[in-house]
Amino acid sequence: MTLGDEMKRRYPRLIHAMQSVGLLTESEAIGALVEYGIFGIREGFGSEAVAHLGGQLAAIRHTIKCRHLVLRDR
């Protein structure tokens, strides 16, 4: 099992919210979580979309702050 698979299994709602709130693809959202978990706060890592949001931590914080706006599939 890769780290991406582990993040996808452990944080499915956060990944869905990152896709909705941050307009990220699933792979960008998973990549941001994995890179933040491994490297912490670093400049120059991640996709252009994550960098546009301010980096991995900023994308995660913004998603958590706005998660109530996301409709969940039931």
PDB file of N, CA and C in Angstrom:
ATOM      1  N   MET A   1       0.848  -1.184   0.000  1.00  0.00           N
ATOM      2  CA  MET A   1       0.000   0.000   0.000  1.00  0.00           C
ATOM      3  C   MET A   1       0.891   1.243   0.000  1.00  0.00           C
ATOM      4  N   THR A   2       0.628   2.160  -0.912  1.00  0.00           N
ATOM      5  CA  THR A   2       1.418   3.391  -0.994  1.00  0.00           C
ATOM      6  C   THR A   2       0.896   4.428   0.006  1.00  0.00           C
ATOM      7  N   LEU A   3       1.649   5.484   0.187  1.00  0.00           N
ATOM      8  CA  LEU A   3       1.201   6.554   1.086  1.00  0.00           C
ATOM      9  C   LEU A   3      -0.052   7.232   0.544  1.00  0.00           C
ATOM     10  N   GLY A   4      -0.141   7.340  -0.775  1.00  0.00           N
ATOM     11  CA  GLY A   4      -1.345   7.914  -1.375  1.00  0.00           C
ATOM     12  C   GLY A   4      -2.577   7.074  -1.091  1.00  0.00           C
ATOM     13  N   ASP A   5      -2.430   5.756  -1.171  1.00  0.00           N
ATOM     14  CA  ASP A   5      -3.553   4.871  -0.851  1.00  0.00           C
ATOM     15  C   ASP A   5      -3.936   4.986   0.617  1.00  0.00           C
ATOM     16  N   GLU A   6      -2.937   5.110   1.480  1.00  0.00           N
ATOM     17  CA  GLU A   6      -3.195   5.262   2.915  1.00  0.00           C
ATOM     18  C   GLU A   6      -3.946   6.565   3.205  1.00  0.00           C
ATOM     19  N   MET A   7      -3.527   7.663   2.565  1.00  0.00           N
ATOM     20  CA  MET A   7      -4.224   8.945   2.757  1.00  0.00           C
ATOM     21  C   MET A   7      -5.651   8.868   2.209  1.00  0.00           C
ATOM     22  N   LYS A   8      -5.820   8.207   1.080  1.00  0.00           N
ATOM     23  CA  LYS A   8      -7.147   8.078   0.480  1.00  0.00           C
ATOM     24  C   LYS A   8      -8.081   7.264   1.377  1.00  0.00           C
ATOM     25  N   ARG A   9      -7.547   6.244   2.030  1.00  0.00           N
ATOM     26  CA  ARG A   9      -8.347   5.423   2.938  1.00  0.00           C
ATOM     27  C   ARG A   9      -8.640   6.154   4.238  1.00  0.00           C
ATOM     28  N   ARG A  10      -7.661   6.912   4.726  1.00  0.00           N
ATOM     29  CA  ARG A  10      -7.793   7.537   6.043  1.00  0.00           C
ATOM     30  C   ARG A  10      -8.575   8.850   6.018  1.00  0.00           C
ATOM     31  N   TYR A  11      -8.459   9.626   4.918  1.00  0.00           N
ATOM     32  CA  TYR A  11      -9.082  10.953   4.857  1.00  0.00           C
ATOM     33  C   TYR A  11      -9.970  11.133   3.624  1.00  0.00           C
ATOM     34  N   PRO A  12     -10.954  10.285   3.402  1.00  0.00           N
ATOM     35  CA  PRO A  12     -11.764  10.428   2.181  1.00  0.00           C
ATOM     36  C   PRO A  12     -12.592  11.712   2.139  1.00  0.00           C
ATOM     37  N   ARG A  13     -13.136  12.131   3.270  1.00  0.00           N
ATOM     38  CA  ARG A  13     -13.945  13.354   3.282  1.00  0.00           C
ATOM     39  C   ARG A  13     -13.088  14.598   3.098  1.00  0.00           C
ATOM     40  N   LEU A  14     -11.881  14.601   3.678  1.00  0.00           N
ATOM     41  CA  LEU A  14     -10.988  15.742   3.500  1.00  0.00           C
ATOM     42  C   LEU A  14     -10.565  15.862   2.042  1.00  0.00           C
ATOM     43  N   ILE A  15     -10.275  14.741   1.405  1.00  0.00           N
ATOM     44  CA  ILE A  15      -9.887  14.762  -0.009  1.00  0.00           C
ATOM     45  C   ILE A  15     -11.046  15.261  -0.864  1.00  0.00           C
ATOM     46  N   HIS A  16     -12.258  14.795  -0.581  1.00  0.00           N
ATOM     47  CA  HIS A  16     -13.431  15.259  -1.326  1.00  0.00           C
ATOM     48  C   HIS A  16     -13.635  16.760  -1.118  1.00  0.00           C
ATOM     49  N   ALA A  17     -13.464  17.225   0.108  1.00  0.00           N
ATOM     50  CA  ALA A  17     -13.619  18.654   0.391  1.00  0.00           C
ATOM     51  C   ALA A  17     -12.524  19.470  -0.293  1.00  0.00           C
ATOM     52  N   MET A  18     -11.298  18.954  -0.343  1.00  0.00           N
ATOM     53  CA  MET A  18     -10.214  19.665  -1.030  1.00  0.00           C
ATOM     54  C   MET A  18     -10.514  19.774  -2.522  1.00  0.00           C
ATOM     55  N   GLN A  19     -11.144  18.759  -3.078  1.00  0.00           N
ATOM     56  CA  GLN A  19     -11.521  18.810  -4.481  1.00  0.00           C
ATOM     57  C   GLN A  19     -12.606  19.858  -4.711  1.00  0.00           C
ATOM     58  N   SER A  20     -13.568  19.952  -3.811  1.00  0.00           N
ATOM     59  CA  SER A  20     -14.684  20.875  -3.976  1.00  0.00           C
ATOM     60  C   SER A  20     -14.311  22.315  -3.625  1.00  0.00           C
ATOM     61  N   VAL A  21     -13.690  22.507  -2.482  1.00  0.00           N
ATOM     62  CA  VAL A  21     -13.375  23.856  -2.003  1.00  0.00           C
ATOM     63  C   VAL A  21     -12.168  24.444  -2.727  1.00  0.00           C
ATOM     64  N   GLY A  22     -11.111  23.648  -2.847  1.00  0.00           N
ATOM     65  CA  GLY A  22      -9.883  24.150  -3.450  1.00  0.00           C
ATOM     66  C   GLY A  22      -9.789  23.953  -4.942  1.00  0.00           C
ATOM     67  N   LEU A  23     -10.814  23.331  -5.536  1.00  0.00           N
ATOM     68  CA  LEU A  23     -10.840  23.038  -6.973  1.00  0.00           C
ATOM     69  C   LEU A  23      -9.605  22.256  -7.405  1.00  0.00           C
ATOM     70  N   LEU A  24      -9.251  21.265  -6.602  1.00  0.00           N
ATOM     71  CA  LEU A  24      -8.118  20.411  -6.909  1.00  0.00           C
ATOM     72  C   LEU A  24      -8.612  19.093  -7.503  1.00  0.00           C
ATOM     73  N   THR A  25      -7.741  18.431  -8.243  1.00  0.00           N
ATOM     74  CA  THR A  25      -8.056  17.076  -8.676  1.00  0.00           C
ATOM     75  C   THR A  25      -7.792  16.139  -7.505  1.00  0.00           C
ATOM     76  N   GLU A  26      -8.248  14.903  -7.629  1.00  0.00           N
ATOM     77  CA  GLU A  26      -8.029  13.945  -6.559  1.00  0.00           C
ATOM     78  C   GLU A  26      -6.537  13.707  -6.338  1.00  0.00           C
ATOM     79  N   SER A  27      -5.785  13.597  -7.404  1.00  0.00           N
ATOM     80  CA  SER A  27      -4.347  13.345  -7.260  1.00  0.00           C
ATOM     81  C   SER A  27      -3.620  14.541  -6.651  1.00  0.00           C
ATOM     82  N   GLU A  28      -4.057  15.762  -6.955  1.00  0.00           N
ATOM     83  CA  GLU A  28      -3.452  16.940  -6.337  1.00  0.00           C
ATOM     84  C   GLU A  28      -3.758  17.000  -4.846  1.00  0.00           C
ATOM     85  N   ALA A  29      -4.984  16.674  -4.471  1.00  0.00           N
ATOM     86  CA  ALA A  29      -5.368  16.678  -3.055  1.00  0.00           C
ATOM     87  C   ALA A  29      -4.589  15.622  -2.278  1.00  0.00           C
ATOM     88  N   ILE A  30      -4.503  14.417  -2.834  1.00  0.00           N
ATOM     89  CA  ILE A  30      -3.751  13.348  -2.171  1.00  0.00           C
ATOM     90  C   ILE A  30      -2.276  13.714  -2.107  1.00  0.00           C
ATOM     91  N   GLY A  31      -1.749  14.259  -3.190  1.00  0.00           N
ATOM     92  CA  GLY A  31      -0.347  14.670  -3.215  1.00  0.00           C
ATOM     93  C   GLY A  31      -0.033  15.728  -2.171  1.00  0.00           C
ATOM     94  N   ALA A  32      -0.945  16.676  -1.982  1.00  0.00           N
ATOM     95  CA  ALA A  32      -0.729  17.715  -0.970  1.00  0.00           C
ATOM     96  C   ALA A  32      -0.680  17.111   0.428  1.00  0.00           C
ATOM     97  N   LEU A  33      -1.566  16.156   0.718  1.00  0.00           N
ATOM     98  CA  LEU A  33      -1.563  15.513   2.035  1.00  0.00           C
ATOM     99  C   LEU A  33      -0.302  14.682   2.254  1.00  0.00           C
ATOM    100  N   VAL A  34       0.096  13.940   1.238  1.00  0.00           N
ATOM    101  CA  VAL A  34       1.295  13.112   1.358  1.00  0.00           C
ATOM    102  C   VAL A  34       2.540  13.980   1.527  1.00  0.00           C
ATOM    103  N   GLU A  35       2.669  15.006   0.688  1.00  0.00           N
ATOM    104  CA  GLU A  35       3.852  15.868   0.770  1.00  0.00           C
ATOM    105  C   GLU A  35       3.916  16.623   2.086  1.00  0.00           C
ATOM    106  N   TYR A  36       2.766  17.066   2.590  1.00  0.00           N
ATOM    107  CA  TYR A  36       2.772  17.744   3.886  1.00  0.00           C
ATOM    108  C   TYR A  36       3.148  16.767   4.989  1.00  0.00           C
ATOM    109  N   GLY A  37       2.650  15.538   4.903  1.00  0.00           N
ATOM    110  CA  GLY A  37       2.974  14.540   5.912  1.00  0.00           C
ATOM    111  C   GLY A  37       4.442  14.156   5.917  1.00  0.00           C
ATOM    112  N   ILE A  38       5.058  14.105   4.747  1.00  0.00           N
ATOM    113  CA  ILE A  38       6.464  13.704   4.657  1.00  0.00           C
ATOM    114  C   ILE A  38       7.401  14.880   4.897  1.00  0.00           C
ATOM    115  N   PHE A  39       7.186  15.966   4.172  1.00  0.00           N
ATOM    116  CA  PHE A  39       8.141  17.073   4.162  1.00  0.00           C
ATOM    117  C   PHE A  39       7.773  18.222   5.087  1.00  0.00           C
ATOM    118  N   GLY A  40       6.541  18.288   5.529  1.00  0.00           N
ATOM    119  CA  GLY A  40       6.114  19.417   6.341  1.00  0.00           C
ATOM    120  C   GLY A  40       5.918  20.641   5.462  1.00  0.00           C
ATOM    121  N   ILE A  41       6.179  21.799   6.012  1.00  0.00           N
ATOM    122  CA  ILE A  41       5.998  23.043   5.273  1.00  0.00           C
ATOM    123  C   ILE A  41       7.276  23.328   4.493  1.00  0.00           C
ATOM    124  N   ARG A  42       7.173  23.283   3.165  1.00  0.00           N
ATOM    125  CA  ARG A  42       8.303  23.559   2.283  1.00  0.00           C
ATOM    126  C   ARG A  42       7.820  24.307   1.064  1.00  0.00           C
ATOM    127  N   GLU A  43       8.638  25.195   0.573  1.00  0.00           N
ATOM    128  CA  GLU A  43       8.323  25.944  -0.637  1.00  0.00           C
ATOM    129  C   GLU A  43       8.726  25.131  -1.856  1.00  0.00           C
ATOM    130  N   GLY A  44       7.992  25.280  -2.923  1.00  0.00           N
ATOM    131  CA  GLY A  44       8.357  24.665  -4.181  1.00  0.00           C
ATOM    132  C   GLY A  44       7.894  23.243  -4.379  1.00  0.00           C
ATOM    133  N   PHE A  45       7.199  22.665  -3.420  1.00  0.00           N
ATOM    134  CA  PHE A  45       6.678  21.311  -3.572  1.00  0.00           C
ATOM    135  C   PHE A  45       5.219  21.387  -3.990  1.00  0.00           C
ATOM    136  N   GLY A  46       4.740  20.358  -4.619  1.00  0.00           N
ATOM    137  CA  GLY A  46       3.328  20.267  -4.952  1.00  0.00           C
ATOM    138  C   GLY A  46       3.018  20.813  -6.327  1.00  0.00           C
ATOM    139  N   SER A  47       1.758  20.691  -6.669  1.00  0.00           N
ATOM    140  CA  SER A  47       1.297  21.118  -7.982  1.00  0.00           C
ATOM    141  C   SER A  47       1.118  22.630  -8.026  1.00  0.00           C
ATOM    142  N   GLU A  48       0.899  23.126  -9.221  1.00  0.00           N
ATOM    143  CA  GLU A  48       0.682  24.557  -9.400  1.00  0.00           C
ATOM    144  C   GLU A  48      -0.614  25.005  -8.722  1.00  0.00           C
ATOM    145  N   ALA A  49      -1.632  24.147  -8.759  1.00  0.00           N
ATOM    146  CA  ALA A  49      -2.905  24.485  -8.125  1.00  0.00           C
ATOM    147  C   ALA A  49      -2.755  24.606  -6.605  1.00  0.00           C
ATOM    148  N   VAL A  50      -1.987  23.708  -6.005  1.00  0.00           N
ATOM    149  CA  VAL A  50      -1.743  23.777  -4.558  1.00  0.00           C
ATOM    150  C   VAL A  50      -0.898  25.003  -4.227  1.00  0.00           C
ATOM    151  N   ALA A  51       0.079  25.304  -5.062  1.00  0.00           N
ATOM    152  CA  ALA A  51       0.901  26.497  -4.848  1.00  0.00           C
ATOM    153  C   ALA A  51       0.058  27.764  -4.960  1.00  0.00           C
ATOM    154  N   HIS A  52      -0.933  27.752  -5.854  1.00  0.00           N
ATOM    155  CA  HIS A  52      -1.819  28.906  -6.010  1.00  0.00           C
ATOM    156  C   HIS A  52      -2.648  29.146  -4.745  1.00  0.00           C
ATOM    157  N   LEU A  53      -2.957  28.080  -4.022  1.00  0.00           N
ATOM    158  CA  LEU A  53      -3.700  28.211  -2.761  1.00  0.00           C
ATOM    159  C   LEU A  53      -2.801  28.618  -1.600  1.00  0.00           C
ATOM    160  N   GLY A  54      -1.476  28.615  -1.804  1.00  0.00           N
ATOM    161  CA  GLY A  54      -0.552  29.027  -0.757  1.00  0.00           C
ATOM    162  C   GLY A  54       0.279  27.898  -0.191  1.00  0.00           C
ATOM    163  N   GLY A  55       0.227  26.730  -0.797  1.00  0.00           N
ATOM    164  CA  GLY A  55       0.996  25.594  -0.313  1.00  0.00           C
ATOM    165  C   GLY A  55       0.099  24.540   0.308  1.00  0.00           C
ATOM    166  N   GLN A  56       0.727  23.436   0.711  1.00  0.00           N
ATOM    167  CA  GLN A  56      -0.038  22.313   1.232  1.00  0.00           C
ATOM    168  C   GLN A  56      -0.800  22.672   2.501  1.00  0.00           C
ATOM    169  N   LEU A  57      -0.122  23.302   3.454  1.00  0.00           N
ATOM    170  CA  LEU A  57      -0.772  23.622   4.726  1.00  0.00           C
ATOM    171  C   LEU A  57      -1.910  24.614   4.528  1.00  0.00           C
ATOM    172  N   ALA A  58      -1.718  25.605   3.693  1.00  0.00           N
ATOM    173  CA  ALA A  58      -2.772  26.586   3.437  1.00  0.00           C
ATOM    174  C   ALA A  58      -3.976  25.935   2.770  1.00  0.00           C
ATOM    175  N   ALA A  59      -3.729  25.003   1.849  1.00  0.00           N
ATOM    176  CA  ALA A  59      -4.830  24.298   1.189  1.00  0.00           C
ATOM    177  C   ALA A  59      -5.610  23.457   2.195  1.00  0.00           C
ATOM    178  N   ILE A  60      -4.896  22.768   3.077  1.00  0.00           N
ATOM    179  CA  ILE A  60      -5.551  21.930   4.095  1.00  0.00           C
ATOM    180  C   ILE A  60      -6.336  22.801   5.072  1.00  0.00           C
ATOM    181  N   ARG A  61      -5.733  23.895   5.535  1.00  0.00           N
ATOM    182  CA  ARG A  61      -6.432  24.794   6.477  1.00  0.00           C
ATOM    183  C   ARG A  61      -7.672  25.412   5.852  1.00  0.00           C
ATOM    184  N   HIS A  62      -7.555  25.858   4.610  1.00  0.00           N
ATOM    185  CA  HIS A  62      -8.698  26.468   3.923  1.00  0.00           C
ATOM    186  C   HIS A  62      -9.827  25.464   3.769  1.00  0.00           C
ATOM    187  N   THR A  63      -9.480  24.236   3.448  1.00  0.00           N
ATOM    188  CA  THR A  63     -10.489  23.189   3.294  1.00  0.00           C
ATOM    189  C   THR A  63     -11.190  22.906   4.616  1.00  0.00           C
ATOM    190  N   ILE A  64     -10.428  22.806   5.691  1.00  0.00           N
ATOM    191  CA  ILE A  64     -11.031  22.539   7.002  1.00  0.00           C
ATOM    192  C   ILE A  64     -11.935  23.695   7.415  1.00  0.00           C
ATOM    193  N   LYS A  65     -11.511  24.929   7.117  1.00  0.00           N
ATOM    194  CA  LYS A  65     -12.301  26.104   7.471  1.00  0.00           C
ATOM    195  C   LYS A  65     -13.617  26.154   6.692  1.00  0.00           C
ATOM    196  N   CYS A  66     -13.608  25.717   5.440  1.00  0.00           N
ATOM    197  CA  CYS A  66     -14.785  25.814   4.570  1.00  0.00           C
ATOM    198  C   CYS A  66     -15.491  24.483   4.340  1.00  0.00           C
ATOM    199  N   ARG A  67     -15.182  23.462   5.117  1.00  0.00           N
ATOM    200  CA  ARG A  67     -15.717  22.125   4.853  1.00  0.00           C
ATOM    201  C   ARG A  67     -17.230  22.038   5.000  1.00  0.00           C
ATOM    202  N   HIS A  68     -17.823  22.952   5.758  1.00  0.00           N
ATOM    203  CA  HIS A  68     -19.268  22.919   5.932  1.00  0.00           C
ATOM    204  C   HIS A  68     -20.016  23.313   4.651  1.00  0.00           C
ATOM    205  N   LEU A  69     -19.320  23.885   3.676  1.00  0.00           N
ATOM    206  CA  LEU A  69     -19.945  24.288   2.421  1.00  0.00           C
ATOM    207  C   LEU A  69     -20.049  23.150   1.415  1.00  0.00           C
ATOM    208  N   VAL A  70     -19.384  22.034   1.696  1.00  0.00           N
ATOM    209  CA  VAL A  70     -19.319  20.931   0.748  1.00  0.00           C
ATOM    210  C   VAL A  70     -20.486  19.977   0.976  1.00  0.00           C
ATOM    211  N   LEU A  71     -21.167  19.639  -0.113  1.00  0.00           N
ATOM    212  CA  LEU A  71     -22.237  18.652  -0.038  1.00  0.00           C
ATOM    213  C   LEU A  71     -21.619  17.265  -0.108  1.00  0.00           C
ATOM    214  N   ARG A  72     -22.046  16.383   0.781  1.00  0.00           N
ATOM    215  CA  ARG A  72     -21.521  15.017   0.797  1.00  0.00           C
ATOM    216  C   ARG A  72     -22.442  14.121  -0.002  1.00  0.00           C
ATOM    217  N   ASP A  73     -21.827  13.183  -0.704  1.00  0.00           N
ATOM    218  CA  ASP A  73     -22.613  12.162  -1.416  1.00  0.00           C
ATOM    219  C   ASP A  73     -23.053  11.114  -0.411  1.00  0.00           C
ATOM    220  N   ARG A  74     -24.313  10.762  -0.443  1.00  0.00           N
ATOM    221  CA  ARG A  74     -24.812   9.751   0.486  1.00  0.00           C
ATOM    222  C   ARG A  74     -25.359   8.589  -0.252  1.00  0.00           C
TER     223      ARG A  74
END
